[in-house]
Amino acid sequence: MILLNGKQLSQKIANTLKSKISVYIDSGSRTPRLDIILVGEDFASKKYVDMKMKRAEEIGIKTVLHKFETNVSTEDIISEIKELNNDSRVDGVMVQLPLPKNIDTNVILETIDCSKDVDGLTSVNLGKLFKNDPSAIAPATAKGILKLLEEYDISIDGSKAVVIGRSDIVGLPTAAVLQNSNATVTVCHSHTKNLKEISKQADILVVGIGRAEYIDKGYVKEGAAVIDVGTNRGKDDKLVGDVKFGSVKKVAEYITPVPGGVGPMTISSLLLNLFEIYERNVKRY
């Protein structure tokens, strides 16, 4: 069994990005910039934003945080996003999710200029992704999963992949990037019948359902690569995934740990998206 070390690969990507950004700065280009919108005082959201900003600053990306109270209106956030869309100094705009229930999340995301949509969550970028358009900005988690599989030379072309979970942020984009890499993909969800039988056919099994340690070895094919996207609080407040690691590691050939697997790759892929947008902007002007 081989651990897919997302923390290690994330650092490798960060080092590469830092070097590339330095070259642009040393040649007189402006600093890349990421603007983040945070609404409310949710502890987890604030923590995730802090991690993203710290990582970005470490590699030479300027970050600007726009904080709003929980009772802010959808219109006020839209107004802020439109200003950022029109600011040529801003390369990427992201909204930390989830938003409070009083905010229309879909309207907010669709307001982001698709060329600055560093999270890849606008319908334009998701549509391009499903059309296998190379100009698509892929959601960071899906991009991070693909990078992990490639780093460990796990064959995607011609493989059978099963994605459990169909969210716009994880499940559906991951299915798209795997299909674009020539896997045969099945997407499963809460209404799927015979889930165990279907998942056990997978050469690559991706799980993102938000249920602590739900998937055990009975769902996993011998020799499969298992990607656990889950982040849950288990016994004794310990961080666990959607996969029962101790059980699944007995049959899987590759498996991501939680923490240290997909999580770090999501942040590094977000910054990779930002850099790719920045590079296009710098070359354009």
C-alpha atoms as a PDB file:
ATOM      1  CA  MET A   1       0.000   0.000   0.000  1.00  0.00           C
ATOM      2  CA  ILE A   2       1.373   3.383  -1.046  1.00  0.00           C
ATOM      3  CA  LEU A   3       0.317   6.636   0.601  1.00  0.00           C
ATOM      4  CA  LEU A   4      -0.490   9.440  -1.825  1.00  0.00           C
ATOM      5  CA  ASN A   5       1.338  12.236  -0.037  1.00  0.00           C
ATOM      6  CA  GLY A   6      -0.533  15.427  -0.887  1.00  0.00           C
ATOM      7  CA  LYS A   7       1.444  17.470   1.601  1.00  0.00           C
ATOM      8  CA  GLN A   8       4.728  16.599  -0.098  1.00  0.00           C
ATOM      9  CA  LEU A   9       3.438  17.235  -3.618  1.00  0.00           C
ATOM     10  CA  SER A  10       1.804  20.471  -2.491  1.00  0.00           C
ATOM     11  CA  GLN A  11       5.173  21.731  -1.272  1.00  0.00           C
ATOM     12  CA  LYS A  12       6.779  20.730  -4.561  1.00  0.00           C
ATOM     13  CA  ILE A  13       4.161  22.719  -6.496  1.00  0.00           C
ATOM     14  CA  ALA A  14       4.574  25.693  -4.142  1.00  0.00           C
ATOM     15  CA  ASN A  15       8.354  25.710  -4.661  1.00  0.00           C
ATOM     16  CA  THR A  16       7.901  25.678  -8.438  1.00  0.00           C
ATOM     17  CA  LEU A  17       5.335  28.484  -8.337  1.00  0.00           C
ATOM     18  CA  LYS A  18       7.535  30.600  -6.068  1.00  0.00           C
ATOM     19  CA  SER A  19      10.430  30.311  -8.526  1.00  0.00           C
ATOM     20  CA  LYS A  20       8.260  31.180 -11.526  1.00  0.00           C
ATOM     21  CA  ILE A  21       6.690  34.177  -9.776  1.00  0.00           C
ATOM     22  CA  SER A  22      10.153  35.433  -8.792  1.00  0.00           C
ATOM     23  CA  VAL A  23      11.216  35.410 -12.434  1.00  0.00           C
ATOM     24  CA  TYR A  24       8.270  37.624 -13.392  1.00  0.00           C
ATOM     25  CA  ILE A  25       8.802  40.009 -10.467  1.00  0.00           C
ATOM     26  CA  ASP A  26      12.531  40.287 -11.172  1.00  0.00           C
ATOM     27  CA  SER A  27      11.762  41.166 -14.789  1.00  0.00           C
ATOM     28  CA  GLY A  28       9.567  44.078 -13.689  1.00  0.00           C
ATOM     29  CA  SER A  29       6.100  42.531 -13.756  1.00  0.00           C
ATOM     30  CA  ARG A  30       3.544  43.334 -11.067  1.00  0.00           C
ATOM     31  CA  THR A  31       2.839  40.978  -8.173  1.00  0.00           C
ATOM     32  CA  PRO A  32       0.069  38.412  -8.722  1.00  0.00           C
ATOM     33  CA  ARG A  33      -3.016  39.131  -6.626  1.00  0.00           C
ATOM     34  CA  LEU A  34      -5.803  37.011  -5.150  1.00  0.00           C
ATOM     35  CA  ASP A  35      -8.879  38.624  -3.574  1.00  0.00           C
ATOM     36  CA  ILE A  36     -10.943  36.569  -1.140  1.00  0.00           C
ATOM     37  CA  ILE A  37     -14.469  37.331   0.068  1.00  0.00           C
ATOM     38  CA  LEU A  38     -15.344  36.015   3.530  1.00  0.00           C
ATOM     39  CA  VAL A  39     -18.823  36.374   5.014  1.00  0.00           C
ATOM     40  CA  GLY A  40     -19.568  35.814   8.688  1.00  0.00           C
ATOM     41  CA  GLU A  41     -17.592  34.295  11.545  1.00  0.00           C
ATOM     42  CA  ASP A  42     -17.660  30.580  10.746  1.00  0.00           C
ATOM     43  CA  PHE A  43     -14.579  29.096  12.419  1.00  0.00           C
ATOM     44  CA  ALA A  44     -13.773  26.566   9.694  1.00  0.00           C
ATOM     45  CA  SER A  45     -14.170  29.131   6.906  1.00  0.00           C
ATOM     46  CA  LYS A  46     -11.875  31.602   8.671  1.00  0.00           C
ATOM     47  CA  LYS A  47      -9.310  28.863   9.205  1.00  0.00           C
ATOM     48  CA  TYR A  48      -9.390  27.816   5.538  1.00  0.00           C
ATOM     49  CA  VAL A  49      -9.002  31.424   4.411  1.00  0.00           C
ATOM     50  CA  ASP A  50      -6.046  31.938   6.757  1.00  0.00           C
ATOM     51  CA  MET A  51      -4.365  28.822   5.342  1.00  0.00           C
ATOM     52  CA  LYS A  52      -4.907  29.957   1.753  1.00  0.00           C
ATOM     53  CA  MET A  53      -3.627  33.451   2.435  1.00  0.00           C
ATOM     54  CA  LYS A  54      -0.559  32.229   4.312  1.00  0.00           C
ATOM     55  CA  ARG A  55       0.348  29.777   1.546  1.00  0.00           C
ATOM     56  CA  ALA A  56      -0.195  32.411  -1.132  1.00  0.00           C
ATOM     57  CA  GLU A  57       1.969  35.010   0.618  1.00  0.00           C
ATOM     58  CA  GLU A  58       4.754  32.432   1.073  1.00  0.00           C
ATOM     59  CA  ILE A  59       5.113  31.996  -2.672  1.00  0.00           C
ATOM     60  CA  GLY A  60       4.805  35.662  -3.621  1.00  0.00           C
ATOM     61  CA  ILE A  61       1.091  36.135  -4.248  1.00  0.00           C
ATOM     62  CA  LYS A  62      -0.517  39.225  -2.744  1.00  0.00           C
ATOM     63  CA  THR A  63      -3.796  38.480  -0.994  1.00  0.00           C
ATOM     64  CA  VAL A  64      -6.569  40.912  -0.118  1.00  0.00           C
ATOM     65  CA  LEU A  65      -9.359  39.853   2.240  1.00  0.00           C
ATOM     66  CA  HIS A  66     -12.824  41.405   1.985  1.00  0.00           C
ATOM     67  CA  LYS A  67     -14.804  40.630   5.154  1.00  0.00           C
ATOM     68  CA  PHE A  68     -18.550  41.023   5.531  1.00  0.00           C
ATOM     69  CA  GLU A  69     -20.907  40.535   8.464  1.00  0.00           C
ATOM     70  CA  THR A  70     -23.359  37.641   8.357  1.00  0.00           C
ATOM     71  CA  ASN A  71     -26.309  39.984   7.735  1.00  0.00           C
ATOM     72  CA  VAL A  72     -24.783  41.484   4.592  1.00  0.00           C
ATOM     73  CA  SER A  73     -27.086  41.547   1.553  1.00  0.00           C
ATOM     74  CA  THR A  74     -26.500  39.616  -1.650  1.00  0.00           C
ATOM     75  CA  GLU A  75     -26.503  42.957  -3.494  1.00  0.00           C
ATOM     76  CA  ASP A  76     -23.615  44.332  -1.403  1.00  0.00           C
ATOM     77  CA  ILE A  77     -21.438  41.324  -2.173  1.00  0.00           C
ATOM     78  CA  ILE A  78     -22.342  41.548  -5.860  1.00  0.00           C
ATOM     79  CA  SER A  79     -21.274  45.196  -5.854  1.00  0.00           C
ATOM     80  CA  GLU A  80     -17.910  44.270  -4.334  1.00  0.00           C
ATOM     81  CA  ILE A  81     -17.312  41.483  -6.847  1.00  0.00           C
ATOM     82  CA  LYS A  82     -18.113  43.764  -9.781  1.00  0.00           C
ATOM     83  CA  GLU A  83     -15.481  46.225  -8.562  1.00  0.00           C
ATOM     84  CA  LEU A  84     -12.921  43.432  -8.390  1.00  0.00           C
ATOM     85  CA  ASN A  85     -13.927  42.208 -11.848  1.00  0.00           C
ATOM     86  CA  ASN A  86     -13.091  45.660 -13.217  1.00  0.00           C
ATOM     87  CA  ASP A  87      -9.802  46.036 -11.336  1.00  0.00           C
ATOM     88  CA  SER A  88      -6.910  45.117 -13.634  1.00  0.00           C
ATOM     89  CA  ARG A  89      -4.638  44.550 -10.627  1.00  0.00           C
ATOM     90  CA  VAL A  90      -6.784  41.612  -9.478  1.00  0.00           C
ATOM     91  CA  ASP A  91      -6.014  38.248 -11.081  1.00  0.00           C
ATOM     92  CA  GLY A  92      -8.322  35.974  -9.116  1.00  0.00           C
ATOM     93  CA  VAL A  93     -11.525  36.367  -7.112  1.00  0.00           C
ATOM     94  CA  MET A  94     -12.865  33.679  -4.797  1.00  0.00           C
ATOM     95  CA  VAL A  95     -15.743  33.490  -2.348  1.00  0.00           C
ATOM     96  CA  GLN A  96     -15.204  31.280   0.682  1.00  0.00           C
ATOM     97  CA  LEU A  97     -18.023  28.750   0.912  1.00  0.00           C
ATOM     98  CA  PRO A  98     -20.432  27.991   2.428  1.00  0.00           C
ATOM     99  CA  LEU A  99     -22.190  31.334   2.565  1.00  0.00           C
ATOM    100  CA  PRO A 100     -24.893  32.141   5.154  1.00  0.00           C
ATOM    101  CA  LYS A 101     -28.419  31.033   4.206  1.00  0.00           C
ATOM    102  CA  ASN A 102     -29.544  34.628   3.629  1.00  0.00           C
ATOM    103  CA  ILE A 103     -27.116  34.929   0.708  1.00  0.00           C
ATOM    104  CA  ASP A 104     -27.904  33.564  -2.766  1.00  0.00           C
ATOM    105  CA  THR A 105     -24.745  31.535  -3.385  1.00  0.00           C
ATOM    106  CA  ASN A 106     -25.452  30.770  -7.032  1.00  0.00           C
ATOM    107  CA  VAL A 107     -26.019  34.435  -7.909  1.00  0.00           C
ATOM    108  CA  ILE A 108     -22.819  35.407  -6.080  1.00  0.00           C
ATOM    109  CA  LEU A 109     -20.686  32.832  -7.904  1.00  0.00           C
ATOM    110  CA  GLU A 110     -22.150  33.719 -11.284  1.00  0.00           C
ATOM    111  CA  THR A 111     -21.216  37.379 -10.729  1.00  0.00           C
ATOM    112  CA  ILE A 112     -17.492  36.520 -10.755  1.00  0.00           C
ATOM    113  CA  ASP A 113     -15.787  37.230 -14.085  1.00  0.00           C
ATOM    114  CA  CYS A 114     -15.116  33.731 -15.474  1.00  0.00           C
ATOM    115  CA  SER A 115     -11.553  34.779 -16.373  1.00  0.00           C
ATOM    116  CA  LYS A 116     -10.929  35.586 -12.676  1.00  0.00           C
ATOM    117  CA  ASP A 117     -12.850  32.594 -11.333  1.00  0.00           C
ATOM    118  CA  VAL A 118      -9.881  31.033  -9.555  1.00  0.00           C
ATOM    119  CA  ASP A 119     -12.125  28.424  -7.884  1.00  0.00           C
ATOM    120  CA  GLY A 120     -13.526  27.314 -11.251  1.00  0.00           C
ATOM    121  CA  LEU A 121     -17.105  27.350  -9.971  1.00  0.00           C
ATOM    122  CA  THR A 122     -18.893  29.584 -12.483  1.00  0.00           C
ATOM    123  CA  SER A 123     -21.180  27.825 -14.945  1.00  0.00           C
ATOM    124  CA  VAL A 124     -18.902  29.020 -17.766  1.00  0.00           C
ATOM    125  CA  ASN A 125     -15.844  27.249 -16.387  1.00  0.00           C
ATOM    126  CA  LEU A 126     -17.748  24.141 -15.330  1.00  0.00           C
ATOM    127  CA  GLY A 127     -19.339  23.988 -18.775  1.00  0.00           C
ATOM    128  CA  LYS A 128     -15.955  24.335 -20.465  1.00  0.00           C
ATOM    129  CA  LEU A 129     -14.576  21.614 -18.203  1.00  0.00           C
ATOM    130  CA  PHE A 130     -17.289  19.173 -19.251  1.00  0.00           C
ATOM    131  CA  LYS A 131     -16.633  20.048 -22.892  1.00  0.00           C
ATOM    132  CA  ASN A 132     -12.930  19.347 -22.316  1.00  0.00           C
ATOM    133  CA  ASP A 133     -12.106  22.909 -23.331  1.00  0.00           C
ATOM    134  CA  PRO A 134      -8.452  23.610 -22.440  1.00  0.00           C
ATOM    135  CA  SER A 135      -9.331  27.179 -21.427  1.00  0.00           C
ATOM    136  CA  ALA A 136     -11.470  25.920 -18.514  1.00  0.00           C
ATOM    137  CA  ILE A 137     -10.363  26.809 -14.996  1.00  0.00           C
ATOM    138  CA  ALA A 138     -10.872  23.546 -13.113  1.00  0.00           C
ATOM    139  CA  PRO A 139     -12.100  23.510  -9.506  1.00  0.00           C
ATOM    140  CA  ALA A 140      -9.105  23.177  -7.206  1.00  0.00           C
ATOM    141  CA  THR A 141     -10.005  19.859  -5.565  1.00  0.00           C
ATOM    142  CA  ALA A 142     -10.575  18.098  -8.887  1.00  0.00           C
ATOM    143  CA  LYS A 143      -7.344  19.558 -10.269  1.00  0.00           C
ATOM    144  CA  GLY A 144      -5.485  18.490  -7.116  1.00  0.00           C
ATOM    145  CA  ILE A 145      -6.751  14.913  -7.392  1.00  0.00           C
ATOM    146  CA  LEU A 146      -5.585  14.731 -10.999  1.00  0.00           C
ATOM    147  CA  LYS A 147      -2.150  16.079 -10.033  1.00  0.00           C
ATOM    148  CA  LEU A 148      -1.834  13.433  -7.308  1.00  0.00           C
ATOM    149  CA  LEU A 149      -2.709  10.594  -9.671  1.00  0.00           C
ATOM    150  CA  GLU A 150      -0.230  11.885 -12.248  1.00  0.00           C
ATOM    151  CA  GLU A 151       2.553  12.317  -9.686  1.00  0.00           C
ATOM    152  CA  TYR A 152       2.320   8.675  -8.654  1.00  0.00           C
ATOM    153  CA  ASP A 153       1.994   7.422 -12.253  1.00  0.00           C
ATOM    154  CA  ILE A 154      -1.442   5.950 -11.609  1.00  0.00           C
ATOM    155  CA  SER A 155      -2.905   5.069 -14.985  1.00  0.00           C
ATOM    156  CA  ILE A 156      -6.103   6.962 -15.765  1.00  0.00           C
ATOM    157  CA  ASP A 157      -6.411   6.293 -19.490  1.00  0.00           C
ATOM    158  CA  GLY A 158      -8.755   3.330 -19.970  1.00  0.00           C
ATOM    159  CA  SER A 159      -9.322   2.825 -16.247  1.00  0.00           C
ATOM    160  CA  LYS A 160     -12.669   2.418 -14.520  1.00  0.00           C
ATOM    161  CA  ALA A 161     -13.284   5.304 -12.130  1.00  0.00           C
ATOM    162  CA  VAL A 162     -16.111   5.640  -9.629  1.00  0.00           C
ATOM    163  CA  VAL A 163     -16.851   8.971  -7.962  1.00  0.00           C
ATOM    164  CA  ILE A 164     -19.110   8.791  -4.903  1.00  0.00           C
ATOM    165  CA  GLY A 165     -20.712  12.205  -4.431  1.00  0.00           C
ATOM    166  CA  ARG A 166     -22.021  14.629  -7.040  1.00  0.00           C
ATOM    167  CA  SER A 167     -21.390  18.113  -5.650  1.00  0.00           C
ATOM    168  CA  ASP A 168     -20.505  20.965  -8.015  1.00  0.00           C
ATOM    169  CA  ILE A 169     -17.320  21.574  -6.022  1.00  0.00           C
ATOM    170  CA  VAL A 170     -15.923  18.026  -5.840  1.00  0.00           C
ATOM    171  CA  GLY A 171     -17.846  15.121  -7.351  1.00  0.00           C
ATOM    172  CA  LEU A 172     -18.963  16.391 -10.754  1.00  0.00           C
ATOM    173  CA  PRO A 173     -15.740  18.301 -11.610  1.00  0.00           C
ATOM    174  CA  THR A 174     -13.644  15.299 -10.554  1.00  0.00           C
ATOM    175  CA  ALA A 175     -15.724  13.063 -12.794  1.00  0.00           C
ATOM    176  CA  ALA A 176     -15.111  15.527 -15.637  1.00  0.00           C
ATOM    177  CA  VAL A 177     -11.311  15.713 -15.243  1.00  0.00           C
ATOM    178  CA  LEU A 178     -11.093  11.915 -15.041  1.00  0.00           C
ATOM    179  CA  GLN A 179     -13.268  11.535 -18.137  1.00  0.00           C
ATOM    180  CA  ASN A 180     -11.157  14.131 -19.932  1.00  0.00           C
ATOM    181  CA  SER A 181      -8.156  11.929 -19.126  1.00  0.00           C
ATOM    182  CA  ASN A 182      -9.938   8.994 -20.802  1.00  0.00           C
ATOM    183  CA  ALA A 183     -11.245   7.123 -17.774  1.00  0.00           C
ATOM    184  CA  THR A 184     -14.669   5.485 -17.922  1.00  0.00           C
ATOM    185  CA  VAL A 185     -16.474   7.248 -15.104  1.00  0.00           C
ATOM    186  CA  THR A 186     -19.492   6.332 -12.983  1.00  0.00           C
ATOM    187  CA  VAL A 187     -20.923   8.936 -10.596  1.00  0.00           C
ATOM    188  CA  CYS A 188     -22.752   7.579  -7.551  1.00  0.00           C
ATOM    189  CA  HIS A 189     -24.887   9.401  -4.978  1.00  0.00           C
ATOM    190  CA  SER A 190     -27.432   8.908  -2.205  1.00  0.00           C
ATOM    191  CA  HIS A 191     -29.990   7.410  -4.625  1.00  0.00           C
ATOM    192  CA  THR A 192     -27.579   4.933  -6.216  1.00  0.00           C
ATOM    193  CA  LYS A 193     -28.617   1.300  -5.886  1.00  0.00           C
ATOM    194  CA  ASN A 194     -25.999  -1.428  -5.353  1.00  0.00           C
ATOM    195  CA  LEU A 195     -23.352   1.138  -4.379  1.00  0.00           C
ATOM    196  CA  LYS A 196     -21.025  -1.469  -2.939  1.00  0.00           C
ATOM    197  CA  GLU A 197     -21.066  -3.569  -6.112  1.00  0.00           C
ATOM    198  CA  ILE A 198     -20.468  -0.522  -8.336  1.00  0.00           C
ATOM    199  CA  SER A 199     -17.644   0.952  -6.258  1.00  0.00           C
ATOM    200  CA  LYS A 200     -15.908  -2.406  -6.064  1.00  0.00           C
ATOM    201  CA  GLN A 201     -15.402  -2.306  -9.839  1.00  0.00           C
ATOM    202  CA  ALA A 202     -13.331   0.882  -9.650  1.00  0.00           C
ATOM    203  CA  ASP A 203      -9.640   1.068 -10.472  1.00  0.00           C
ATOM    204  CA  ILE A 204      -9.841   4.613  -9.121  1.00  0.00           C
ATOM    205  CA  LEU A 205     -12.329   5.329  -6.340  1.00  0.00           C
ATOM    206  CA  VAL A 206     -12.984   8.942  -5.301  1.00  0.00           C
ATOM    207  CA  VAL A 207     -15.133   9.537  -2.218  1.00  0.00           C
ATOM    208  CA  GLY A 208     -16.579  12.908  -1.238  1.00  0.00           C
ATOM    209  CA  ILE A 209     -19.816  12.458   0.712  1.00  0.00           C
ATOM    210  CA  GLY A 210     -19.183  14.079   4.099  1.00  0.00           C
ATOM    211  CA  ARG A 211     -19.855  10.911   6.112  1.00  0.00           C
ATOM    212  CA  ALA A 212     -17.119   9.906   8.517  1.00  0.00           C
ATOM    213  CA  GLU A 213     -15.430   6.596   7.661  1.00  0.00           C
ATOM    214  CA  TYR A 214     -18.427   5.394   5.659  1.00  0.00           C
ATOM    215  CA  ILE A 215     -16.483   3.454   3.023  1.00  0.00           C
ATOM    216  CA  ASP A 216     -14.715   0.304   4.233  1.00  0.00           C
ATOM    217  CA  LYS A 217     -12.806  -2.406   2.386  1.00  0.00           C
ATOM    218  CA  GLY A 218     -16.083  -4.025   1.306  1.00  0.00           C
ATOM    219  CA  TYR A 219     -16.499  -1.186  -1.208  1.00  0.00           C
ATOM    220  CA  VAL A 220     -12.973  -1.378  -2.621  1.00  0.00           C
ATOM    221  CA  LYS A 221     -11.440  -3.486  -5.375  1.00  0.00           C
ATOM    222  CA  GLU A 222      -8.146  -5.195  -4.609  1.00  0.00           C
ATOM    223  CA  GLY A 223      -5.321  -2.987  -5.924  1.00  0.00           C
ATOM    224  CA  ALA A 224      -7.461   0.136  -6.412  1.00  0.00           C
ATOM    225  CA  ALA A 225      -6.360   3.735  -5.933  1.00  0.00           C
ATOM    226  CA  VAL A 226      -8.585   5.362  -3.293  1.00  0.00           C
ATOM    227  CA  ILE A 227      -8.933   9.134  -3.069  1.00  0.00           C
ATOM    228  CA  ASP A 228     -10.593  10.329   0.141  1.00  0.00           C
ATOM    229  CA  VAL A 229     -11.910  13.889  -0.123  1.00  0.00           C
ATOM    230  CA  GLY A 230     -13.755  13.806   3.203  1.00  0.00           C
ATOM    231  CA  THR A 231     -12.907  15.910   6.250  1.00  0.00           C
ATOM    232  CA  ASN A 232     -14.911  14.947   9.313  1.00  0.00           C
ATOM    233  CA  ARG A 233     -14.592  14.971  13.072  1.00  0.00           C
ATOM    234  CA  GLY A 234     -14.409  11.403  14.335  1.00  0.00           C
ATOM    235  CA  LYS A 235     -13.961   9.912  17.771  1.00  0.00           C
ATOM    236  CA  ASP A 236     -11.999  12.020  20.257  1.00  0.00           C
ATOM    237  CA  ASP A 237     -12.389  14.958  17.836  1.00  0.00           C
ATOM    238  CA  LYS A 238      -9.848  13.340  15.511  1.00  0.00           C
ATOM    239  CA  LEU A 239      -9.878  14.393  11.859  1.00  0.00           C
ATOM    240  CA  VAL A 240     -11.007  11.522   9.636  1.00  0.00           C
ATOM    241  CA  GLY A 241     -12.088  11.083   6.049  1.00  0.00           C
ATOM    242  CA  ASP A 242     -15.064   9.444   4.375  1.00  0.00           C
ATOM    243  CA  VAL A 243     -12.984   6.280   4.015  1.00  0.00           C
ATOM    244  CA  LYS A 244     -12.236   3.904   6.885  1.00  0.00           C
ATOM    245  CA  PHE A 245      -8.480   4.093   6.431  1.00  0.00           C
ATOM    246  CA  GLY A 246      -7.477   1.136   8.618  1.00  0.00           C
ATOM    247  CA  SER A 247      -9.843  -1.168   6.743  1.00  0.00           C
ATOM    248  CA  VAL A 248      -9.330   0.093   3.190  1.00  0.00           C
ATOM    249  CA  LYS A 249      -5.520   0.162   3.322  1.00  0.00           C
ATOM    250  CA  LYS A 250      -5.584  -3.642   3.506  1.00  0.00           C
ATOM    251  CA  VAL A 251      -6.909  -3.920  -0.052  1.00  0.00           C
ATOM    252  CA  ALA A 252      -6.014  -0.644  -1.818  1.00  0.00           C
ATOM    253  CA  GLU A 253      -2.708  -0.242  -3.644  1.00  0.00           C
ATOM    254  CA  TYR A 254      -2.809   3.551  -3.263  1.00  0.00           C
ATOM    255  CA  ILE A 255      -4.680   5.660  -0.718  1.00  0.00           C
ATOM    256  CA  THR A 256      -4.748   9.285   0.411  1.00  0.00           C
ATOM    257  CA  PRO A 257      -4.371   9.967   4.130  1.00  0.00           C
ATOM    258  CA  VAL A 258      -6.606  12.381   6.058  1.00  0.00           C
ATOM    259  CA  PRO A 259      -5.171  14.839   6.828  1.00  0.00           C
ATOM    260  CA  GLY A 260      -2.273  15.248   4.404  1.00  0.00           C
ATOM    261  CA  GLY A 261      -3.832  13.966   1.198  1.00  0.00           C
ATOM    262  CA  VAL A 262      -6.349  15.924  -0.872  1.00  0.00           C
ATOM    263  CA  GLY A 263      -6.531  18.935   1.482  1.00  0.00           C
ATOM    264  CA  PRO A 264      -3.065  20.373   0.786  1.00  0.00           C
ATOM    265  CA  MET A 265      -3.533  19.668  -2.920  1.00  0.00           C
ATOM    266  CA  THR A 266      -6.713  21.746  -3.011  1.00  0.00           C
ATOM    267  CA  ILE A 267      -4.868  24.809  -1.744  1.00  0.00           C
ATOM    268  CA  SER A 268      -1.857  24.313  -4.031  1.00  0.00           C
ATOM    269  CA  SER A 269      -4.149  23.803  -7.035  1.00  0.00           C
ATOM    270  CA  LEU A 270      -6.049  26.995  -6.208  1.00  0.00           C
ATOM    271  CA  LEU A 271      -2.726  28.871  -6.254  1.00  0.00           C
ATOM    272  CA  LEU A 272      -1.732  27.089  -9.459  1.00  0.00           C
ATOM    273  CA  ASN A 273      -4.971  28.328 -11.027  1.00  0.00           C
ATOM    274  CA  LEU A 274      -4.176  31.839  -9.807  1.00  0.00           C
ATOM    275  CA  PHE A 275      -0.696  31.718 -11.280  1.00  0.00           C
ATOM    276  CA  GLU A 276      -1.971  30.473 -14.645  1.00  0.00           C
ATOM    277  CA  ILE A 277      -4.460  33.374 -14.767  1.00  0.00           C
ATOM    278  CA  TYR A 278      -1.706  35.820 -13.745  1.00  0.00           C
ATOM    279  CA  GLU A 279       0.663  34.493 -16.386  1.00  0.00           C
ATOM    280  CA  ARG A 280      -1.966  34.967 -19.106  1.00  0.00           C
ATOM    281  CA  ASN A 281      -2.623  38.510 -17.887  1.00  0.00           C
ATOM    282  CA  VAL A 282       1.053  39.451 -17.763  1.00  0.00           C
ATOM    283  CA  LYS A 283       1.697  38.082 -21.253  1.00  0.00           C
ATOM    284  CA  ARG A 284      -1.394  39.845 -22.579  1.00  0.00           C
ATOM    285  CA  TYR A 285      -0.154  43.248 -21.428  1.00  0.00           C
END
